[in-house]
PDB file of N, CA and C in Angstrom:
ATOM      1  N   ALA A   1      23.696  -1.813  14.370  1.00  0.00           N
ATOM      2  CA  ALA A   1      23.197  -2.735  13.414  1.00  0.00           C
ATOM      3  C   ALA A   1      21.956  -3.461  13.897  1.00  0.00           C
ATOM      4  N   TYR A   2      21.214  -4.033  13.010  1.00  0.00           N
ATOM      5  CA  TYR A   2      19.948  -4.676  13.321  1.00  0.00           C
ATOM      6  C   TYR A   2      20.042  -6.120  13.091  1.00  0.00           C
ATOM      7  N   ALA A   3      20.031  -6.897  14.221  1.00  0.00           N
ATOM      8  CA  ALA A   3      20.172  -8.370  14.066  1.00  0.00           C
ATOM      9  C   ALA A   3      18.835  -9.014  14.335  1.00  0.00           C
ATOM     10  N   SER A   4      18.473 -10.016  13.520  1.00  0.00           N
ATOM     11  CA  SER A   4      17.211 -10.672  13.731  1.00  0.00           C
ATOM     12  C   SER A   4      17.102 -11.375  15.071  1.00  0.00           C
ATOM     13  N   SER A   5      18.217 -11.727  15.675  1.00  0.00           N
ATOM     14  CA  SER A   5      18.222 -12.375  17.003  1.00  0.00           C
ATOM     15  C   SER A   5      17.808 -11.389  18.080  1.00  0.00           C
ATOM     16  N   GLN A   6      17.810 -10.101  17.812  1.00  0.00           N
ATOM     17  CA  GLN A   6      17.434  -9.072  18.799  1.00  0.00           C
ATOM     18  C   GLN A   6      15.958  -8.718  18.706  1.00  0.00           C
ATOM     19  N   ARG A   7      15.166  -9.391  17.909  1.00  0.00           N
ATOM     20  CA  ARG A   7      13.775  -9.070  17.695  1.00  0.00           C
ATOM     21  C   ARG A   7      12.978  -9.375  18.984  1.00  0.00           C
ATOM     22  N   GLU A   8      12.044  -8.483  19.252  1.00  0.00           N
ATOM     23  CA  GLU A   8      11.156  -8.707  20.365  1.00  0.00           C
ATOM     24  C   GLU A   8       9.853  -9.242  19.908  1.00  0.00           C
ATOM     25  N   ASP A   9       9.017  -9.779  20.763  1.00  0.00           N
ATOM     26  CA  ASP A   9       7.704 -10.278  20.458  1.00  0.00           C
ATOM     27  C   ASP A   9       6.817  -9.135  20.043  1.00  0.00           C
ATOM     28  N   THR A  10       6.365  -9.130  18.823  1.00  0.00           N
ATOM     29  CA  THR A  10       5.534  -7.988  18.283  1.00  0.00           C
ATOM     30  C   THR A  10       4.049  -8.391  18.173  1.00  0.00           C
ATOM     31  N   SER A  11       3.644  -9.474  18.739  1.00  0.00           N
ATOM     32  CA  SER A  11       2.257  -9.960  18.573  1.00  0.00           C
ATOM     33  C   SER A  11       1.194  -8.980  19.069  1.00  0.00           C
ATOM     34  N   GLY A  12       1.533  -8.137  19.985  1.00  0.00           N
ATOM     35  CA  GLY A  12       0.558  -7.120  20.473  1.00  0.00           C
ATOM     36  C   GLY A  12       0.790  -5.728  19.920  1.00  0.00           C
ATOM     37  N   HIS A  13       1.686  -5.656  18.922  1.00  0.00           N
ATOM     38  CA  HIS A  13       2.080  -4.367  18.378  1.00  0.00           C
ATOM     39  C   HIS A  13       1.209  -3.992  17.215  1.00  0.00           C
ATOM     40  N   TYR A  14       1.320  -2.768  16.724  1.00  0.00           N
ATOM     41  CA  TYR A  14       0.591  -2.276  15.579  1.00  0.00           C
ATOM     42  C   TYR A  14       1.481  -2.389  14.360  1.00  0.00           C
ATOM     43  N   ASN A  15       0.949  -2.877  13.263  1.00  0.00           N
ATOM     44  CA  ASN A  15       1.735  -3.095  12.033  1.00  0.00           C
ATOM     45  C   ASN A  15       1.237  -2.316  10.876  1.00  0.00           C
ATOM     46  N   ILE A  16       2.173  -1.815  10.067  1.00  0.00           N
ATOM     47  CA  ILE A  16       1.834  -1.196   8.861  1.00  0.00           C
ATOM     48  C   ILE A  16       2.421  -1.910   7.687  1.00  0.00           C
ATOM     49  N   PHE A  17       1.763  -1.861   6.548  1.00  0.00           N
ATOM     50  CA  PHE A  17       2.234  -2.446   5.290  1.00  0.00           C
ATOM     51  C   PHE A  17       3.091  -1.426   4.576  1.00  0.00           C
ATOM     52  N   VAL A  18       4.234  -1.811   4.014  1.00  0.00           N
ATOM     53  CA  VAL A  18       5.047  -0.934   3.211  1.00  0.00           C
ATOM     54  C   VAL A  18       5.274  -1.624   1.884  1.00  0.00           C
ATOM     55  N   GLY A  19       4.853  -1.022   0.825  1.00  0.00           N
ATOM     56  CA  GLY A  19       4.914  -1.630  -0.493  1.00  0.00           C
ATOM     57  C   GLY A  19       5.908  -0.915  -1.462  1.00  0.00           C
ATOM     58  N   ASP A  20       6.070  -1.474  -2.619  1.00  0.00           N
ATOM     59  CA  ASP A  20       6.900  -0.920  -3.652  1.00  0.00           C
ATOM     60  C   ASP A  20       8.335  -0.747  -3.210  1.00  0.00           C
ATOM     61  N   LEU A  21       8.855  -1.755  -2.501  1.00  0.00           N
ATOM     62  CA  LEU A  21      10.214  -1.705  -2.037  1.00  0.00           C
ATOM     63  C   LEU A  21      11.165  -2.130  -3.136  1.00  0.00           C
ATOM     64  N   SER A  22      12.330  -1.487  -3.146  1.00  0.00           N
ATOM     65  CA  SER A  22      13.411  -1.826  -4.069  1.00  0.00           C
ATOM     66  C   SER A  22      13.963  -3.246  -3.689  1.00  0.00           C
ATOM     67  N   PRO A  23      14.388  -4.025  -4.631  1.00  0.00           N
ATOM     68  CA  PRO A  23      14.955  -5.336  -4.368  1.00  0.00           C
ATOM     69  C   PRO A  23      16.152  -5.308  -3.378  1.00  0.00           C
ATOM     70  N   GLU A  24      16.801  -4.124  -3.282  1.00  0.00           N
ATOM     71  CA  GLU A  24      17.945  -3.992  -2.404  1.00  0.00           C
ATOM     72  C   GLU A  24      17.592  -3.796  -0.924  1.00  0.00           C
ATOM     73  N   VAL A  25      16.300  -3.509  -0.628  1.00  0.00           N
ATOM     74  CA  VAL A  25      15.904  -3.243   0.744  1.00  0.00           C
ATOM     75  C   VAL A  25      15.928  -4.512   1.581  1.00  0.00           C
ATOM     76  N   THR A  26      16.546  -4.398   2.743  1.00  0.00           N
ATOM     77  CA  THR A  26      16.615  -5.501   3.657  1.00  0.00           C
ATOM     78  C   THR A  26      15.817  -5.193   4.938  1.00  0.00           C
ATOM     79  N   ASP A  27      15.669  -6.158   5.852  1.00  0.00           N
ATOM     80  CA  ASP A  27      15.050  -5.873   7.129  1.00  0.00           C
ATOM     81  C   ASP A  27      15.752  -4.672   7.806  1.00  0.00           C
ATOM     82  N   ALA A  28      17.070  -4.700   7.818  1.00  0.00           N
ATOM     83  CA  ALA A  28      17.813  -3.693   8.497  1.00  0.00           C
ATOM     84  C   ALA A  28      17.619  -2.279   7.873  1.00  0.00           C
ATOM     85  N   THR A  29      17.607  -2.178   6.557  1.00  0.00           N
ATOM     86  CA  THR A  29      17.394  -0.859   5.945  1.00  0.00           C
ATOM     87  C   THR A  29      15.998  -0.345   6.115  1.00  0.00           C
ATOM     88  N   LEU A  30      15.049  -1.267   6.076  1.00  0.00           N
ATOM     89  CA  LEU A  30      13.659  -0.856   6.343  1.00  0.00           C
ATOM     90  C   LEU A  30      13.493  -0.365   7.748  1.00  0.00           C
ATOM     91  N   PHE A  31      14.064  -1.130   8.718  1.00  0.00           N
ATOM     92  CA  PHE A  31      14.042  -0.714  10.129  1.00  0.00           C
ATOM     93  C   PHE A  31      14.685   0.672  10.288  1.00  0.00           C
ATOM     94  N   ALA A  32      15.827   0.878   9.668  1.00  0.00           N
ATOM     95  CA  ALA A  32      16.561   2.155   9.757  1.00  0.00           C
ATOM     96  C   ALA A  32      15.676   3.335   9.271  1.00  0.00           C
ATOM     97  N   CYS A  33      14.893   3.141   8.282  1.00  0.00           N
ATOM     98  CA  CYS A  33      14.000   4.198   7.770  1.00  0.00           C
ATOM     99  C   CYS A  33      12.981   4.609   8.810  1.00  0.00           C
ATOM    100  N   PHE A  34      12.517   3.635   9.609  1.00  0.00           N
ATOM    101  CA  PHE A  34      11.461   3.954  10.566  1.00  0.00           C
ATOM    102  C   PHE A  34      11.939   4.104  11.987  1.00  0.00           C
ATOM    103  N   SER A  35      13.213   3.880  12.251  1.00  0.00           N
ATOM    104  CA  SER A  35      13.756   3.907  13.624  1.00  0.00           C
ATOM    105  C   SER A  35      13.780   5.348  14.163  1.00  0.00           C
ATOM    106  N   VAL A  36      13.508   6.369  13.378  1.00  0.00           N
ATOM    107  CA  VAL A  36      13.378   7.674  13.910  1.00  0.00           C
ATOM    108  C   VAL A  36      12.132   7.816  14.837  1.00  0.00           C
ATOM    109  N   TYR A  37      11.221   6.876  14.725  1.00  0.00           N
ATOM    110  CA  TYR A  37      10.049   6.825  15.567  1.00  0.00           C
ATOM    111  C   TYR A  37      10.311   5.902  16.786  1.00  0.00           C
ATOM    112  N   PRO A  38      10.297   6.491  17.963  1.00  0.00           N
ATOM    113  CA  PRO A  38      10.677   5.700  19.144  1.00  0.00           C
ATOM    114  C   PRO A  38       9.921   4.376  19.381  1.00  0.00           C
ATOM    115  N   SER A  39       8.678   4.340  18.886  1.00  0.00           N
ATOM    116  CA  SER A  39       7.904   3.125  19.147  1.00  0.00           C
ATOM    117  C   SER A  39       8.149   2.041  18.108  1.00  0.00           C
ATOM    118  N   CYS A  40       9.033   2.295  17.115  1.00  0.00           N
ATOM    119  CA  CYS A  40       9.274   1.313  16.068  1.00  0.00           C
ATOM    120  C   CYS A  40       9.999   0.163  16.710  1.00  0.00           C
ATOM    121  N   SER A  41       9.502  -1.111  16.497  1.00  0.00           N
ATOM    122  CA  SER A  41      10.044  -2.214  17.203  1.00  0.00           C
ATOM    123  C   SER A  41      10.629  -3.310  16.265  1.00  0.00           C
ATOM    124  N   ASP A  42      10.162  -3.301  14.992  1.00  0.00           N
ATOM    125  CA  ASP A  42      10.603  -4.353  14.069  1.00  0.00           C
ATOM    126  C   ASP A  42      10.246  -4.004  12.648  1.00  0.00           C
ATOM    127  N   ALA A  43      10.991  -4.543  11.721  1.00  0.00           N
ATOM    128  CA  ALA A  43      10.692  -4.377  10.302  1.00  0.00           C
ATOM    129  C   ALA A  43      11.068  -5.643   9.598  1.00  0.00           C
ATOM    130  N   ARG A  44      10.185  -6.088   8.671  1.00  0.00           N
ATOM    131  CA  ARG A  44      10.456  -7.344   7.963  1.00  0.00           C
ATOM    132  C   ARG A  44      10.094  -7.205   6.479  1.00  0.00           C
ATOM    133  N   VAL A  45      11.050  -7.529   5.689  1.00  0.00           N
ATOM    134  CA  VAL A  45      10.784  -7.582   4.205  1.00  0.00           C
ATOM    135  C   VAL A  45      10.368  -9.022   3.927  1.00  0.00           C
ATOM    136  N   MET A  46       9.336  -9.191   3.044  1.00  0.00           N
ATOM    137  CA  MET A  46       8.853 -10.521   2.684  1.00  0.00           C
ATOM    138  C   MET A  46       9.727 -11.002   1.474  1.00  0.00           C
ATOM    139  N   TRP A  47      10.199 -12.250   1.622  1.00  0.00           N
ATOM    140  CA  TRP A  47      11.064 -12.871   0.648  1.00  0.00           C
ATOM    141  C   TRP A  47      10.412 -14.064  -0.033  1.00  0.00           C
ATOM    142  N   ASP A  48      10.630 -14.268  -1.297  1.00  0.00           N
ATOM    143  CA  ASP A  48      10.173 -15.471  -1.982  1.00  0.00           C
ATOM    144  C   ASP A  48      11.077 -16.616  -1.622  1.00  0.00           C
ATOM    145  N   GLN A  49      10.454 -17.666  -1.041  1.00  0.00           N
ATOM    146  CA  GLN A  49      11.272 -18.822  -0.575  1.00  0.00           C
ATOM    147  C   GLN A  49      11.886 -19.582  -1.686  1.00  0.00           C
ATOM    148  N   LYS A  50      11.302 -19.605  -2.879  1.00  0.00           N
ATOM    149  CA  LYS A  50      11.866 -20.332  -3.969  1.00  0.00           C
ATOM    150  C   LYS A  50      13.049 -19.593  -4.659  1.00  0.00           C
ATOM    151  N   THR A  51      12.895 -18.328  -4.856  1.00  0.00           N
ATOM    152  CA  THR A  51      13.928 -17.596  -5.595  1.00  0.00           C
ATOM    153  C   THR A  51      14.893 -16.830  -4.636  1.00  0.00           C
ATOM    154  N   GLY A  52      14.500 -16.622  -3.384  1.00  0.00           N
ATOM    155  CA  GLY A  52      15.361 -15.922  -2.474  1.00  0.00           C
ATOM    156  C   GLY A  52      15.320 -14.382  -2.704  1.00  0.00           C
ATOM    157  N   ARG A  53      14.449 -13.931  -3.577  1.00  0.00           N
ATOM    158  CA  ARG A  53      14.345 -12.498  -3.884  1.00  0.00           C
ATOM    159  C   ARG A  53      13.227 -11.870  -3.141  1.00  0.00           C
ATOM    160  N   SER A  54      13.397 -10.572  -2.938  1.00  0.00           N
ATOM    161  CA  SER A  54      12.390  -9.732  -2.245  1.00  0.00           C
ATOM    162  C   SER A  54      11.063  -9.809  -2.994  1.00  0.00           C
ATOM    163  N   ARG A  55       9.986  -9.811  -2.300  1.00  0.00           N
ATOM    164  CA  ARG A  55       8.648  -9.785  -2.894  1.00  0.00           C
ATOM    165  C   ARG A  55       8.188  -8.329  -3.103  1.00  0.00           C
ATOM    166  N   GLY A  56       8.985  -7.390  -2.680  1.00  0.00           N
ATOM    167  CA  GLY A  56       8.718  -5.975  -2.863  1.00  0.00           C
ATOM    168  C   GLY A  56       7.837  -5.314  -1.830  1.00  0.00           C
ATOM    169  N   PHE A  57       7.609  -6.000  -0.773  1.00  0.00           N
ATOM    170  CA  PHE A  57       6.795  -5.356   0.374  1.00  0.00           C
ATOM    171  C   PHE A  57       7.255  -5.895   1.687  1.00  0.00           C
ATOM    172  N   GLY A  58       6.856  -5.207   2.691  1.00  0.00           N
ATOM    173  CA  GLY A  58       7.200  -5.676   4.063  1.00  0.00           C
ATOM    174  C   GLY A  58       6.255  -5.072   5.067  1.00  0.00           C
ATOM    175  N   PHE A  59       6.554  -5.283   6.307  1.00  0.00           N
ATOM    176  CA  PHE A  59       5.769  -4.785   7.465  1.00  0.00           C
ATOM    177  C   PHE A  59       6.679  -4.198   8.525  1.00  0.00           C
ATOM    178  N   VAL A  60       6.193  -3.064   9.069  1.00  0.00           N
ATOM    179  CA  VAL A  60       6.892  -2.411  10.202  1.00  0.00           C
ATOM    180  C   VAL A  60       6.001  -2.433  11.398  1.00  0.00           C
ATOM    181  N   SER A  61       6.524  -2.799  12.562  1.00  0.00           N
ATOM    182  CA  SER A  61       5.784  -2.907  13.779  1.00  0.00           C
ATOM    183  C   SER A  61       6.120  -1.743  14.743  1.00  0.00           C
ATOM    184  N   PHE A  62       5.119  -1.295  15.446  1.00  0.00           N
ATOM    185  CA  PHE A  62       5.232  -0.190  16.438  1.00  0.00           C
ATOM    186  C   PHE A  62       4.593  -0.636  17.754  1.00  0.00           C
ATOM    187  N   ARG A  63       5.213  -0.215  18.869  1.00  0.00           N
ATOM    188  CA  ARG A  63       4.729  -0.527  20.145  1.00  0.00           C
ATOM    189  C   ARG A  63       3.360   0.120  20.495  1.00  0.00           C
ATOM    190  N   ASN A  64       3.137   1.304  19.918  1.00  0.00           N
ATOM    191  CA  ASN A  64       1.822   1.957  20.126  1.00  0.00           C
ATOM    192  C   ASN A  64       1.380   2.606  18.803  1.00  0.00           C
ATOM    193  N   GLN A  65       0.178   3.160  18.807  1.00  0.00           N
ATOM    194  CA  GLN A  65      -0.361   3.722  17.599  1.00  0.00           C
ATOM    195  C   GLN A  65       0.215   5.008  17.193  1.00  0.00           C
ATOM    196  N   GLN A  66       0.918   5.708  18.044  1.00  0.00           N
ATOM    197  CA  GLN A  66       1.433   7.005  17.669  1.00  0.00           C
ATOM    198  C   GLN A  66       2.859   6.895  17.378  1.00  0.00           C
TER     199      GLN A  66
END
């Protein structure tokens, strides 16, 4: 399982934008999709603070460019 408390500092990592996400996609499911790549370090879905609903996009972090 993917717990947010296990997140590492990704400030020096490479990030990609992932759009057109289904409202059911969570940080954990997005991470699971990219975890086949060994350098994948984090995944975050952006949420609307007022409604609590997904904004339909997120970001995935990688330790290196490849």
